[in-house]
C-alpha atoms as a PDB file:
ATOM      1  CA  UNK A   1     -10.123 -30.587 -24.724  1.00  0.00           C
ATOM      2  CA  UNK A   2     -10.573 -27.216 -22.937  1.00  0.00           C
ATOM      3  CA  UNK A   3     -12.662 -24.456 -24.478  1.00  0.00           C
ATOM      4  CA  UNK A   4     -11.377 -20.902 -24.030  1.00  0.00           C
ATOM      5  CA  UNK A   5     -13.815 -18.007 -24.207  1.00  0.00           C
ATOM      6  CA  UNK A   6     -11.700 -15.341 -25.935  1.00  0.00           C
ATOM      7  CA  UNK A   7     -14.313 -12.598 -25.581  1.00  0.00           C
ATOM      8  CA  UNK A   8     -14.430 -13.154 -21.805  1.00  0.00           C
ATOM      9  CA  UNK A   9     -10.639 -13.009 -21.557  1.00  0.00           C
ATOM     10  CA  UNK A  10     -10.540  -9.783 -23.575  1.00  0.00           C
ATOM     11  CA  UNK A  11     -13.340  -8.221 -21.516  1.00  0.00           C
ATOM     12  CA  UNK A  12     -11.516  -9.102 -18.282  1.00  0.00           C
ATOM     13  CA  UNK A  13      -8.263  -7.626 -19.588  1.00  0.00           C
ATOM     14  CA  UNK A  14     -10.011  -4.422 -20.676  1.00  0.00           C
ATOM     15  CA  UNK A  15     -11.793  -4.085 -17.311  1.00  0.00           C
ATOM     16  CA  UNK A  16      -8.493  -4.557 -15.478  1.00  0.00           C
ATOM     17  CA  UNK A  17      -6.758  -1.906 -17.601  1.00  0.00           C
ATOM     18  CA  UNK A  18      -9.630   0.582 -17.174  1.00  0.00           C
ATOM     19  CA  UNK A  19      -9.550   0.100 -13.402  1.00  0.00           C
ATOM     20  CA  UNK A  20      -5.903   1.221 -13.448  1.00  0.00           C
ATOM     21  CA  UNK A  21      -6.882   4.439 -15.243  1.00  0.00           C
ATOM     22  CA  UNK A  22      -9.273   5.801 -12.616  1.00  0.00           C
ATOM     23  CA  UNK A  23      -8.620   9.502 -12.132  1.00  0.00           C
ATOM     24  CA  UNK A  24      -9.077  11.226  -8.781  1.00  0.00           C
ATOM     25  CA  UNK A  25     -11.171  14.273  -9.666  1.00  0.00           C
ATOM     26  CA  UNK A  26     -11.308  15.688  -6.151  1.00  0.00           C
ATOM     27  CA  UNK A  27      -9.623  19.097  -5.753  1.00  0.00           C
ATOM     28  CA  UNK A  28      -6.114  19.064  -4.304  1.00  0.00           C
ATOM     29  CA  UNK A  29      -6.731  22.281  -2.352  1.00  0.00           C
ATOM     30  CA  UNK A  30      -9.778  23.598  -0.522  1.00  0.00           C
ATOM     31  CA  UNK A  31     -10.736  27.080   0.611  1.00  0.00           C
ATOM     32  CA  UNK A  32     -11.659  27.541   4.275  1.00  0.00           C
ATOM     33  CA  UNK A  33     -15.375  26.746   3.885  1.00  0.00           C
ATOM     34  CA  UNK A  34     -14.695  23.665   1.760  1.00  0.00           C
ATOM     35  CA  UNK A  35     -11.973  22.507   4.192  1.00  0.00           C
ATOM     36  CA  UNK A  36     -14.429  22.888   7.075  1.00  0.00           C
ATOM     37  CA  UNK A  37     -17.094  20.904   5.208  1.00  0.00           C
ATOM     38  CA  UNK A  38     -14.598  18.261   4.064  1.00  0.00           C
ATOM     39  CA  UNK A  39     -12.904  17.693   7.425  1.00  0.00           C
ATOM     40  CA  UNK A  40     -15.679  18.487   9.875  1.00  0.00           C
ATOM     41  CA  UNK A  41     -13.267  20.805  11.703  1.00  0.00           C
ATOM     42  CA  UNK A  42     -14.059  24.368  12.721  1.00  0.00           C
ATOM     43  CA  UNK A  43     -12.389  27.502  11.343  1.00  0.00           C
ATOM     44  CA  UNK A  44     -10.580  27.932  14.667  1.00  0.00           C
ATOM     45  CA  UNK A  45      -9.324  24.330  14.644  1.00  0.00           C
ATOM     46  CA  UNK A  46      -8.101  24.548  11.046  1.00  0.00           C
ATOM     47  CA  UNK A  47      -6.246  27.809  11.712  1.00  0.00           C
ATOM     48  CA  UNK A  48      -4.732  26.384  14.931  1.00  0.00           C
ATOM     49  CA  UNK A  49      -3.581  23.231  13.139  1.00  0.00           C
ATOM     50  CA  UNK A  50      -2.113  25.379  10.393  1.00  0.00           C
ATOM     51  CA  UNK A  51      -0.231  27.546  12.930  1.00  0.00           C
ATOM     52  CA  UNK A  52       1.040  24.376  14.659  1.00  0.00           C
ATOM     53  CA  UNK A  53       2.147  23.057  11.229  1.00  0.00           C
ATOM     54  CA  UNK A  54       0.047  19.908  11.643  1.00  0.00           C
ATOM     55  CA  UNK A  55      -1.671  20.603   8.314  1.00  0.00           C
ATOM     56  CA  UNK A  56      -0.458  22.378   5.193  1.00  0.00           C
ATOM     57  CA  UNK A  57      -1.994  25.211   3.191  1.00  0.00           C
ATOM     58  CA  UNK A  58      -0.863  27.348   0.292  1.00  0.00           C
ATOM     59  CA  UNK A  59      -1.426  31.082   0.105  1.00  0.00           C
ATOM     60  CA  UNK A  60      -3.318  32.686  -2.791  1.00  0.00           C
ATOM     61  CA  UNK A  61      -3.483  36.386  -2.024  1.00  0.00           C
ATOM     62  CA  UNK A  62      -5.218  36.594   1.358  1.00  0.00           C
ATOM     63  CA  UNK A  63      -6.857  33.183   0.971  1.00  0.00           C
ATOM     64  CA  UNK A  64      -5.521  29.968   2.510  1.00  0.00           C
ATOM     65  CA  UNK A  65      -5.921  26.900   0.323  1.00  0.00           C
ATOM     66  CA  UNK A  66      -5.833  23.837   2.566  1.00  0.00           C
ATOM     67  CA  UNK A  67      -4.257  20.784   0.942  1.00  0.00           C
ATOM     68  CA  UNK A  68      -6.734  17.889   0.928  1.00  0.00           C
ATOM     69  CA  UNK A  69      -3.959  15.331   1.305  1.00  0.00           C
ATOM     70  CA  UNK A  70      -2.727  17.148   4.422  1.00  0.00           C
ATOM     71  CA  UNK A  71      -6.236  17.112   5.925  1.00  0.00           C
ATOM     72  CA  UNK A  72      -6.552  13.400   5.113  1.00  0.00           C
ATOM     73  CA  UNK A  73      -3.195  12.664   6.730  1.00  0.00           C
ATOM     74  CA  UNK A  74      -4.107  14.590   9.892  1.00  0.00           C
ATOM     75  CA  UNK A  75      -7.538  12.971  10.258  1.00  0.00           C
ATOM     76  CA  UNK A  76      -6.082   9.504   9.652  1.00  0.00           C
ATOM     77  CA  UNK A  77      -3.482  10.153  12.380  1.00  0.00           C
ATOM     78  CA  UNK A  78      -6.189  10.653  15.005  1.00  0.00           C
ATOM     79  CA  UNK A  79      -6.983   7.703  17.272  1.00  0.00           C
ATOM     80  CA  UNK A  80      -9.897   5.552  16.184  1.00  0.00           C
ATOM     81  CA  UNK A  81     -12.780   5.221  18.574  1.00  0.00           C
ATOM     82  CA  UNK A  82     -14.140   1.798  19.350  1.00  0.00           C
ATOM     83  CA  UNK A  83     -11.332  -0.117  17.669  1.00  0.00           C
ATOM     84  CA  UNK A  84      -9.247  -2.704  19.428  1.00  0.00           C
END
């Protein structure tokens, strides 16, 4: 006869469900300073990439808000060093 540990099964099910509910609390848009810190790119590089439409920003008054997802996509598109 097999013994089933119900409390272990319930705990596993709860852990699995909670893992699905993780919320990304990072901002979706970054001002210039935050975008520079986040990406490691200079002000000149960010503005050039924006002008070349390689990254996306939204305009709030005179301020550019760089979309984090756009920065991620651009950085991930760069060639990896040391990988084969």
